[in-house]
Amino acid sequence: VQFVESGGGSVQAGGSLRLSCAASGTIFTIAAMGWYRQAPGKERDLVARVDANGRINYADSVKDRFTIWRENAKDTVHLYLYINSLKPEDAAIYYCNSEPPLYNYWGQGTQVTVSS
C-alpha cells in the first residue's frame, strides 16, 4: 500500500492547480477514493470522493470549484483533483486515501499555498 501525492504549489488566489495521486494496491481499484486536506491546527477533512462506479461527492465548501476523477490501472488507482478559483482557505496539505481509509496509513501529501 502506498500513496504518492504531487502537484501542489504556491498559487495566487483565483488560480488553479491539478493534484495527482498514485494509490498502489489492488484493493483501491474497487474502493471509493477521496481527497482530504489538513490545514495547520485543524483536522484532516474529506473534500471530494469518487467511488468505483464514478459517483462523486464534494464538500459544500469546494463544490463548483473542485473536480475529482480517477483512472484505474491493474493494481493502482490514479486519482486527480483539479482545483479552480483557489481561495486562501484552500491552503492545506492535500492527501489521497480510500474513503473511508482502509489502513491507518497516509502518504506525505502535497502542499497547497494560496497567496492573496
C-alpha atoms as a PDB file:
ATOM      1  CA  VAL A   1       0.000   0.000   0.000  1.00  0.00           C
ATOM      2  CA  GLN A   2       1.397   3.349  -0.997  1.00  0.00           C
ATOM      3  CA  PHE A   3       0.088   6.815  -1.690  1.00  0.00           C
ATOM      4  CA  VAL A   4       2.158   9.296  -3.659  1.00  0.00           C
ATOM      5  CA  GLU A   5       0.664  12.759  -3.991  1.00  0.00           C
ATOM      6  CA  SER A   6       2.022  15.528  -6.202  1.00  0.00           C
ATOM      7  CA  GLY A   7       1.084  18.722  -7.968  1.00  0.00           C
ATOM      8  CA  GLY A   8       0.852  21.145  -5.099  1.00  0.00           C
ATOM      9  CA  GLY A   9       2.475  24.525  -5.110  1.00  0.00           C
ATOM     10  CA  SER A  10       2.148  28.190  -4.345  1.00  0.00           C
ATOM     11  CA  VAL A  11      -0.592  29.905  -6.320  1.00  0.00           C
ATOM     12  CA  GLN A  12      -2.296  33.271  -6.216  1.00  0.00           C
ATOM     13  CA  ALA A  13      -5.904  33.438  -5.167  1.00  0.00           C
ATOM     14  CA  GLY A  14      -8.117  32.797  -8.166  1.00  0.00           C
ATOM     15  CA  GLY A  15      -5.597  30.475  -9.750  1.00  0.00           C
ATOM     16  CA  SER A  16      -5.817  26.753 -10.348  1.00  0.00           C
ATOM     17  CA  LEU A  17      -3.887  23.564  -9.681  1.00  0.00           C
ATOM     18  CA  ARG A  18      -4.104  19.932 -10.622  1.00  0.00           C
ATOM     19  CA  LEU A  19      -3.181  17.451  -7.932  1.00  0.00           C
ATOM     20  CA  SER A  20      -2.281  13.859  -8.680  1.00  0.00           C
ATOM     21  CA  CYS A  21      -2.113  10.744  -6.574  1.00  0.00           C
ATOM     22  CA  ALA A  22      -0.943   7.231  -7.286  1.00  0.00           C
ATOM     23  CA  ALA A  23      -2.535   4.799  -4.862  1.00  0.00           C
ATOM     24  CA  SER A  24      -0.838   1.430  -5.108  1.00  0.00           C
ATOM     25  CA  GLY A  25      -2.823  -1.588  -4.016  1.00  0.00           C
ATOM     26  CA  THR A  26      -5.369  -3.716  -5.809  1.00  0.00           C
ATOM     27  CA  ILE A  27      -7.968  -3.058  -3.130  1.00  0.00           C
ATOM     28  CA  PHE A  28      -8.109   0.573  -4.154  1.00  0.00           C
ATOM     29  CA  THR A  29      -9.314  -0.266  -7.651  1.00  0.00           C
ATOM     30  CA  ILE A  30     -12.663  -1.321  -6.158  1.00  0.00           C
ATOM     31  CA  ALA A  31     -12.767   1.183  -3.313  1.00  0.00           C
ATOM     32  CA  ALA A  32     -14.147   4.658  -3.127  1.00  0.00           C
ATOM     33  CA  MET A  33     -11.263   7.121  -3.143  1.00  0.00           C
ATOM     34  CA  GLY A  34     -11.061  10.577  -1.700  1.00  0.00           C
ATOM     35  CA  TRP A  35      -9.019  13.728  -1.463  1.00  0.00           C
ATOM     36  CA  TYR A  36      -8.557  15.041   2.034  1.00  0.00           C
ATOM     37  CA  ARG A  37      -6.911  18.204   3.270  1.00  0.00           C
ATOM     38  CA  GLN A  38      -5.459  19.369   6.536  1.00  0.00           C
ATOM     39  CA  ALA A  39      -4.745  22.982   7.337  1.00  0.00           C
ATOM     40  CA  PRO A  40      -2.427  23.939  10.211  1.00  0.00           C
ATOM     41  CA  GLY A  41      -4.110  23.407  13.565  1.00  0.00           C
ATOM     42  CA  LYS A  42      -7.144  21.747  12.011  1.00  0.00           C
ATOM     43  CA  GLU A  43      -8.321  18.204  11.492  1.00  0.00           C
ATOM     44  CA  ARG A  44      -7.996  16.385   8.209  1.00  0.00           C
ATOM     45  CA  ASP A  45     -11.239  16.665   6.260  1.00  0.00           C
ATOM     46  CA  LEU A  46     -12.599  14.926   3.202  1.00  0.00           C
ATOM     47  CA  VAL A  47     -13.183  17.375   0.349  1.00  0.00           C
ATOM     48  CA  ALA A  48     -14.001  15.132  -2.608  1.00  0.00           C
ATOM     49  CA  ARG A  49     -14.902  11.500  -3.146  1.00  0.00           C
ATOM     50  CA  VAL A  50     -15.351   9.251  -6.157  1.00  0.00           C
ATOM     51  CA  ASP A  51     -16.472   5.668  -5.863  1.00  0.00           C
ATOM     52  CA  ALA A  52     -15.567   2.754  -8.106  1.00  0.00           C
ATOM     53  CA  ASN A  53     -18.664   3.403 -10.241  1.00  0.00           C
ATOM     54  CA  GLY A  54     -17.802   7.043 -10.754  1.00  0.00           C
ATOM     55  CA  ARG A  55     -20.274   8.579  -8.347  1.00  0.00           C
ATOM     56  CA  ILE A  56     -18.866  11.814  -6.971  1.00  0.00           C
ATOM     57  CA  ASN A  57     -19.450  13.871  -3.859  1.00  0.00           C
ATOM     58  CA  TYR A  58     -17.916  17.170  -2.776  1.00  0.00           C
ATOM     59  CA  ALA A  59     -17.805  19.060   0.458  1.00  0.00           C
ATOM     60  CA  ASP A  60     -20.035  22.114   0.302  1.00  0.00           C
ATOM     61  CA  SER A  61     -17.033  24.406   0.689  1.00  0.00           C
ATOM     62  CA  VAL A  62     -15.452  23.213  -2.556  1.00  0.00           C
ATOM     63  CA  LYS A  63     -18.461  22.384  -4.689  1.00  0.00           C
ATOM     64  CA  ASP A  64     -18.327  24.030  -8.144  1.00  0.00           C
ATOM     65  CA  ARG A  65     -14.598  24.700  -7.789  1.00  0.00           C
ATOM     66  CA  PHE A  66     -13.069  21.234  -7.347  1.00  0.00           C
ATOM     67  CA  THR A  67     -13.219  18.370  -9.815  1.00  0.00           C
ATOM     68  CA  ILE A  68     -12.211  14.837  -8.882  1.00  0.00           C
ATOM     69  CA  TRP A  69     -11.679  11.912 -11.199  1.00  0.00           C
ATOM     70  CA  ARG A  70      -9.934   8.591 -11.207  1.00  0.00           C
ATOM     71  CA  GLU A  71      -8.248   6.234 -13.612  1.00  0.00           C
ATOM     72  CA  ASN A  72      -7.865   2.590 -12.611  1.00  0.00           C
ATOM     73  CA  ALA A  73      -4.856   0.585 -13.674  1.00  0.00           C
ATOM     74  CA  LYS A  74      -4.181  -3.064 -12.816  1.00  0.00           C
ATOM     75  CA  ASP A  75      -3.192  -2.544  -9.204  1.00  0.00           C
ATOM     76  CA  THR A  76      -3.019   1.229  -8.966  1.00  0.00           C
ATOM     77  CA  VAL A  77      -5.562   3.999  -8.880  1.00  0.00           C
ATOM     78  CA  HIS A  78      -4.546   7.338 -10.327  1.00  0.00           C
ATOM     79  CA  LEU A  79      -6.614   9.949  -8.571  1.00  0.00           C
ATOM     80  CA  TYR A  80      -6.774  13.575  -9.630  1.00  0.00           C
ATOM     81  CA  LEU A  81      -8.135  16.795  -8.227  1.00  0.00           C
ATOM     82  CA  TYR A  82      -8.487  19.944 -10.281  1.00  0.00           C
ATOM     83  CA  ILE A  83      -8.815  22.987  -8.084  1.00  0.00           C
ATOM     84  CA  ASN A  84     -10.198  26.114  -9.683  1.00  0.00           C
ATOM     85  CA  SER A  85     -10.698  29.610  -8.284  1.00  0.00           C
ATOM     86  CA  LEU A  86      -8.366  28.978  -5.367  1.00  0.00           C
ATOM     87  CA  LYS A  87      -9.160  30.757  -2.134  1.00  0.00           C
ATOM     88  CA  PRO A  88      -6.853  31.423   0.828  1.00  0.00           C
ATOM     89  CA  GLU A  89      -8.909  28.948   2.870  1.00  0.00           C
ATOM     90  CA  ASP A  90      -7.941  26.189   0.407  1.00  0.00           C
ATOM     91  CA  ALA A  91      -4.349  26.310   1.678  1.00  0.00           C
ATOM     92  CA  ALA A  92      -3.544  22.965   3.262  1.00  0.00           C
ATOM     93  CA  ILE A  93      -1.712  19.713   2.782  1.00  0.00           C
ATOM     94  CA  TYR A  94      -3.754  17.545   0.455  1.00  0.00           C
ATOM     95  CA  TYR A  95      -3.807  13.776   0.808  1.00  0.00           C
ATOM     96  CA  CYS A  96      -5.432  10.938  -1.051  1.00  0.00           C
ATOM     97  CA  ASN A  97      -6.745   7.779   0.503  1.00  0.00           C
ATOM     98  CA  SER A  98      -9.638   5.403   0.242  1.00  0.00           C
ATOM     99  CA  GLU A  99     -12.909   6.637   1.677  1.00  0.00           C
ATOM    100  CA  PRO A 100     -13.160   5.561   4.378  1.00  0.00           C
ATOM    101  CA  PRO A 101      -9.461   4.879   4.887  1.00  0.00           C
ATOM    102  CA  LEU A 102      -8.887   1.119   4.846  1.00  0.00           C
ATOM    103  CA  TYR A 103      -5.497   1.318   6.506  1.00  0.00           C
ATOM    104  CA  ASN A 104      -4.032   3.551   9.152  1.00  0.00           C
ATOM    105  CA  TYR A 105      -1.530   4.882   6.668  1.00  0.00           C
ATOM    106  CA  TRP A 106      -1.194   8.161   4.817  1.00  0.00           C
ATOM    107  CA  GLY A 107       1.224   9.425   2.224  1.00  0.00           C
ATOM    108  CA  GLN A 108       3.289  12.557   2.596  1.00  0.00           C
ATOM    109  CA  GLY A 109       0.661  14.724   0.970  1.00  0.00           C
ATOM    110  CA  THR A 110       1.184  17.703  -1.300  1.00  0.00           C
ATOM    111  CA  GLN A 111       1.238  21.265  -0.017  1.00  0.00           C
ATOM    112  CA  VAL A 112      -1.032  23.900  -1.497  1.00  0.00           C
ATOM    113  CA  THR A 113      -0.262  27.505  -0.600  1.00  0.00           C
ATOM    114  CA  VAL A 114      -2.513  30.343  -1.670  1.00  0.00           C
ATOM    115  CA  SER A 115      -1.405  33.963  -1.688  1.00  0.00           C
ATOM    116  CA  SER A 116      -3.900  36.780  -1.758  1.00  0.00           C
END
